[in-house]
Protein backbone atom coordinates (compact mmCIF):
# COMPACT_ATOMS: atom_id res chain seq x y z
CA MET A 1 36.82 60.29 31.13
CA GLU A 2 39.81 60.47 33.41
CA GLU A 3 41.96 63.54 33.25
CA ASN A 4 45.64 62.79 32.71
CA LYS A 5 48.74 64.94 32.95
CA THR A 6 51.15 64.52 30.07
CA ASN A 7 54.19 66.72 29.44
CA GLY A 8 52.70 69.48 31.57
CA ARG A 9 49.51 69.47 29.50
CA GLU A 10 46.23 68.31 30.93
CA GLU A 11 44.23 65.89 28.79
CA ILE A 12 40.54 66.77 29.02
CA PHE A 13 38.85 64.35 26.63
CA SER A 14 39.94 61.51 24.37
CA GLU A 15 38.30 59.51 21.59
CA LYS A 16 39.87 56.48 19.87
CA VAL A 17 39.03 55.17 16.39
CA LYS A 18 40.40 51.79 15.28
CA ALA A 19 40.73 51.52 11.53
CA GLY A 20 42.40 48.33 10.36
CA LYS A 21 46.14 48.53 11.09
CA ARG A 22 45.80 52.14 12.17
CA THR A 23 44.41 53.76 15.28
CA TYR A 24 43.44 57.42 15.47
CA PHE A 25 43.36 59.35 18.73
CA PHE A 26 41.44 62.62 19.08
CA ASP A 27 42.55 64.32 22.28
CA VAL A 28 41.50 67.64 23.81
CA LYS A 29 44.25 69.13 25.95
CA SER A 30 44.62 72.29 27.95
CA THR A 31 47.49 74.70 28.02
CA ARG A 32 49.02 76.23 31.15
CA SER A 33 46.96 79.35 30.44
CA ASN A 34 43.66 77.38 30.44
CA ASP A 35 43.21 77.39 26.70
CA TYR A 36 42.30 74.27 24.71
CA TYR A 37 43.60 72.57 21.61
CA LEU A 38 43.08 69.29 19.80
CA THR A 39 45.67 66.72 18.85
CA ILE A 40 44.93 64.12 16.18
CA THR A 41 47.35 61.20 16.28
CA GLU A 42 47.63 58.41 13.74
CA SER A 43 49.34 55.34 15.14
CA LYS A 44 50.48 52.48 12.90
CA LYS A 45 51.93 49.20 14.11
CA ARG A 46 55.14 48.41 12.20
CA TYR A 47 56.83 45.02 12.37
CA ASN A 48 60.62 44.96 12.50
CA LYS A 49 62.08 42.40 10.13
CA ASP A 50 65.35 42.16 12.06
CA ASP A 51 64.20 41.24 15.56
CA GLU A 52 60.62 40.17 14.77
CA GLY A 53 59.27 42.71 17.26
CA PHE A 54 57.20 45.76 16.46
CA THR A 55 57.09 49.49 17.02
CA TYR A 56 54.41 52.13 16.65
CA GLU A 57 54.89 54.86 14.08
CA LYS A 58 53.00 57.98 15.13
CA HIS A 59 52.05 61.15 13.29
CA LYS A 60 50.46 64.02 15.16
CA ILE A 61 48.51 67.13 14.13
CA PHE A 62 47.90 70.01 16.52
CA LEU A 63 44.71 71.93 15.89
CA TYR A 64 44.00 75.21 17.65
CA LYS A 65 40.57 76.74 18.35
CA GLU A 66 40.94 79.52 15.79
CA ASP A 67 41.24 76.85 13.08
CA PHE A 68 38.46 74.47 14.19
CA ASN A 69 35.78 75.82 11.82
CA LYS A 70 38.10 76.01 8.79
CA PHE A 71 39.37 72.50 9.48
CA MET A 72 35.88 71.01 9.86
CA GLU A 73 34.63 72.78 6.74
CA ALA A 74 37.56 71.51 4.65
CA LEU A 75 37.21 67.97 6.05
CA ASN A 76 33.44 67.89 5.43
CA ASN A 77 33.83 69.33 1.91
CA THR A 78 36.51 66.79 1.04
CA VAL A 79 34.62 63.77 2.42
CA ASN A 80 31.38 64.89 0.76
CA HIS A 81 33.18 65.33 -2.58
CA VAL A 82 34.47 61.76 -2.41
CA LYS A 83 31.04 60.42 -1.38
CA THR A 84 28.97 62.32 -3.94
CA GLU A 85 31.30 62.90 -6.89
CA LEU A 86 33.85 60.09 -6.87
CA LEU A 87 32.02 57.18 -5.19
CA PRO A 88 28.28 57.91 -5.44
CA ASP A 89 27.36 54.20 -5.59
CA VAL A 90 29.11 53.21 -2.36
CA ASP A 91 26.91 52.65 0.69
CA PHE A 92 29.09 54.24 3.37
CA ASN A 93 26.59 53.23 6.08
CA SER A 94 27.44 49.57 5.43
CA PHE A 95 30.92 50.22 6.84
CA ASP A 96 29.36 51.32 10.13
CA GLN A 97 27.19 48.20 10.24
CA HIS A 98 30.26 46.01 9.60
CA ARG A 99 32.15 47.78 12.43
CA GLU A 100 29.22 47.43 14.83
CA ARG A 101 28.99 43.71 14.04
CA GLU A 102 32.74 43.29 14.74
CA GLU A 103 32.40 45.12 18.06
CA ILE A 104 29.50 42.91 19.12
CA GLU A 105 31.40 39.76 18.15
CA ALA A 106 34.48 40.93 20.05
CA LYS A 107 32.41 41.43 23.21
CA ALA A 108 30.52 38.15 22.90
CA PRO A 109 31.76 35.40 25.23
CA THR A 110 33.48 32.49 23.58
CA VAL A 111 32.34 28.94 24.13
CA ASP A 112 35.43 28.23 26.28
CA SER A 113 34.77 31.20 28.57
CA GLU A 114 31.24 29.97 29.23
CA LEU A 115 32.37 26.53 30.35
CA LYS A 116 32.76 26.06 34.09
CA TRP A 117 35.21 23.50 35.27
CA ASP A 118 34.58 21.83 38.61
């Protein structure tokens, strides 16, 4: 991954998750004192009714190393509660298979792109 400089903070690692109309960015950044923190950004595309254009609405969470374990524990507990207590009959793995199929289809060449015009 390329390292980028943004607002005086060095970006070390980035992961992007597309989820319908939302995109989530998980970015590791460094401070000026060589410490690290995580930003989680939710980006939603919003259409403007007035000018028919669009903007991105962004919400950001800053997560510092001393809170990593507490955050992960709470997230895992919450997701597991939904999976086991509230939606025990849902096959959550099927969502991954659907996403993988969409990614493969998006990468597959279309019929037009395979045609060669002389």
